[in-house]
Amino acid sequence: MFKVLSVDHIGIAVPDLDDVKDFFQGKLGIASTGEETVADQKVTTAFYPVGNETELEFLESTAPDGPIAKYIDKNGGRGGIQHVALCVDSVDNAVKDLLDQGVRMIDEKPRRGAGGNMIAFVHPKETAGILVELCTRE
C-alpha cells in the first residue's frame, strides 16, 4: 500500500502568468523557482514555494485546445484552483493500488510532469469532482 506524505502543490489555472508575477512576486515577495513549458500538456507552469514542502503551481495554457484553456473557458474566462497534488512515496504503487481497488484513473501509468517529477491523475468522478494529482519528487 502506498502512503500519502504531504500536499505537494496546488495547481491554479491562470489566463496570464505575468499577472501572477506582478502580485505573488511583486507584492507578496514570493520568488518563483522558474517557468517550464510542458509541451505534451500544452501548458507553461511557474512554481512559487510557500512553506517547507508546499508550492503554488500556476498554469497558463499554450494552446486554445489545451486542458487549462478549457478549464478557464468553463470558469467564465477566470482562473481558479484546477488540481490538488499529493506527494506519495511511490506513484507506481499508488496507481497500482488504486486501480486494484477499482478507482478510475486518468493516468493508468505514471508519466513525467513539470520538474521531471512522476505524476498520475485520479479521475475527478472518483474524488467528488476534485482533480487529484499524485506525484513523487525526483
Protein backbone atom coordinates (compact mmCIF):
# COMPACT_ATOMS: atom_id res chain seq x y z
CA MET A 1 0.00 0.00 0.00
CA PHE A 2 1.27 3.47 -0.83
CA LYS A 3 1.46 6.34 1.63
CA VAL A 4 0.43 9.99 1.17
CA LEU A 5 3.26 12.14 2.55
CA SER A 6 2.04 15.72 2.14
CA VAL A 7 0.24 18.25 0.00
CA ASP A 8 2.86 18.85 -2.69
CA HIS A 9 1.24 21.72 -4.54
CA ILE A 10 -1.99 23.37 -5.53
CA GLY A 11 -2.42 23.81 -9.29
CA ILE A 12 -4.05 27.08 -10.25
CA ALA A 13 -5.12 27.83 -13.81
CA VAL A 14 -4.48 31.43 -14.87
CA PRO A 15 -5.05 33.32 -18.11
CA ASP A 16 -1.65 35.08 -17.86
CA LEU A 17 1.45 34.18 -15.83
CA ASP A 18 2.63 37.81 -15.93
CA ASP A 19 -0.31 38.81 -13.72
CA VAL A 20 0.76 36.15 -11.21
CA LYS A 21 4.32 37.54 -11.14
CA ASP A 22 3.06 41.05 -10.51
CA PHE A 23 1.15 40.01 -7.40
CA PHE A 24 2.88 36.97 -5.91
CA GLN A 25 6.45 38.08 -6.62
CA GLY A 26 5.97 41.84 -6.71
CA LYS A 27 3.52 42.34 -3.86
CA LEU A 28 3.96 39.26 -1.65
CA GLY A 29 7.68 38.79 -2.25
CA ILE A 30 7.41 35.08 -3.10
CA ALA A 31 10.08 34.25 -5.68
CA SER A 32 9.23 31.80 -8.44
CA THR A 33 11.53 28.84 -8.96
CA GLY A 34 11.16 29.47 -12.70
CA GLU A 35 8.88 28.69 -15.59
CA GLU A 36 8.69 25.48 -17.59
CA THR A 37 6.70 24.58 -20.68
CA VAL A 38 5.37 21.04 -20.78
CA ALA A 39 4.57 20.67 -24.48
CA ASP A 40 2.55 17.44 -24.31
CA GLN A 41 0.27 19.00 -21.68
CA LYS A 42 0.01 22.31 -23.61
CA VAL A 43 0.94 24.34 -20.56
CA THR A 44 3.57 26.65 -19.13
CA THR A 45 3.97 26.37 -15.36
CA ALA A 46 5.51 28.56 -12.69
CA PHE A 47 6.05 27.29 -9.15
CA TYR A 48 6.04 29.54 -6.08
CA PRO A 49 7.20 27.80 -2.88
CA VAL A 50 5.20 28.59 0.26
CA GLY A 51 6.33 26.91 3.45
CA ASN A 52 8.65 23.96 3.75
CA GLU A 53 7.03 21.47 1.40
CA THR A 54 4.18 23.11 -0.46
CA GLU A 55 4.13 25.15 -3.64
CA LEU A 56 1.59 27.06 -5.68
CA GLU A 57 1.76 25.94 -9.30
CA PHE A 58 0.33 28.45 -11.73
CA LEU A 59 -0.62 27.06 -15.14
CA GLU A 60 -1.04 29.05 -18.35
CA SER A 61 -2.26 27.30 -21.49
CA THR A 62 -0.03 27.33 -24.55
CA ALA A 63 -2.87 26.30 -26.89
CA PRO A 64 -6.59 27.10 -27.13
CA ASP A 65 -7.45 23.38 -27.06
CA GLY A 66 -5.29 22.61 -24.00
CA PRO A 67 -6.82 21.40 -20.73
CA ILE A 68 -6.02 24.65 -18.92
CA ALA A 69 -7.61 26.75 -21.68
CA LYS A 70 -10.72 24.54 -21.46
CA TYR A 71 -10.79 24.91 -17.66
CA ILE A 72 -10.56 28.72 -17.92
CA ASP A 73 -13.29 28.80 -20.59
CA LYS A 74 -15.58 26.74 -18.33
CA ASN A 75 -14.76 29.14 -15.49
CA GLY A 76 -16.00 32.20 -17.38
CA GLY A 77 -12.54 33.28 -18.52
CA ARG A 78 -11.18 33.39 -14.99
CA GLY A 79 -8.56 31.25 -13.38
CA GLY A 80 -9.08 29.05 -10.37
CA ILE A 81 -7.88 26.01 -8.50
CA GLN A 82 -7.50 23.31 -11.13
CA HIS A 83 -5.99 20.47 -9.07
CA VAL A 84 -4.53 19.43 -5.73
CA ALA A 85 -1.31 17.41 -5.83
CA LEU A 86 -0.46 14.92 -3.12
CA CYS A 87 3.11 13.74 -2.66
CA VAL A 88 3.17 9.96 -2.30
CA ASP A 89 6.01 7.59 -1.51
CA SER A 90 5.60 5.84 -4.88
CA VAL A 91 3.40 6.93 -7.78
CA ASP A 92 3.80 3.47 -9.35
CA ASN A 93 2.47 1.79 -6.20
CA ALA A 94 -0.28 4.38 -5.78
CA VAL A 95 -1.60 3.86 -9.31
CA LYS A 96 -1.45 0.07 -8.97
CA ASP A 97 -3.17 0.10 -5.55
CA LEU A 98 -5.92 2.45 -6.71
CA LEU A 99 -6.56 0.50 -9.92
CA ASP A 100 -6.69 -2.71 -7.86
CA GLN A 101 -9.40 -1.03 -5.75
CA GLY A 102 -11.40 -0.18 -8.87
CA VAL A 103 -10.58 3.54 -8.80
CA ARG A 104 -10.82 5.20 -12.21
CA MET A 105 -7.58 6.92 -13.17
CA ILE A 106 -6.87 9.45 -15.91
CA ASP A 107 -3.32 8.08 -15.99
CA GLU A 108 -3.15 4.31 -15.65
CA LYS A 109 0.63 4.60 -15.91
CA PRO A 110 2.68 7.36 -14.28
CA ARG A 111 4.21 9.95 -16.61
CA ARG A 112 6.66 12.83 -16.38
CA GLY A 113 5.26 16.18 -15.36
CA ALA A 114 6.79 19.58 -14.65
CA GLY A 115 10.16 19.44 -12.97
CA GLY A 116 10.67 15.90 -14.23
CA ASN A 117 8.53 14.51 -11.42
CA MET A 118 6.49 11.36 -11.90
CA ILE A 119 2.77 12.09 -11.82
CA ALA A 120 -0.63 10.44 -12.30
CA PHE A 121 -4.10 11.95 -12.11
CA VAL A 122 -7.12 10.37 -10.44
CA HIS A 123 -10.35 10.86 -12.37
CA PRO A 124 -12.47 13.60 -10.71
CA LYS A 125 -15.55 11.35 -10.78
CA GLU A 126 -13.78 9.31 -8.07
CA THR A 127 -12.96 12.30 -5.85
CA ALA A 128 -16.18 14.30 -5.52
CA GLY A 129 -15.23 16.41 -8.54
CA ILE A 130 -11.73 17.38 -7.38
CA LEU A 131 -8.87 16.71 -9.80
CA VAL A 132 -6.20 14.97 -7.69
CA GLU A 133 -2.63 14.57 -8.88
CA LEU A 134 -0.36 12.02 -7.26
CA CYS A 135 3.33 12.85 -7.53
CA THR A 136 6.75 11.77 -6.40
CA ARG A 137 9.54 14.32 -6.43
CA GLU A 138 12.67 13.17 -8.19
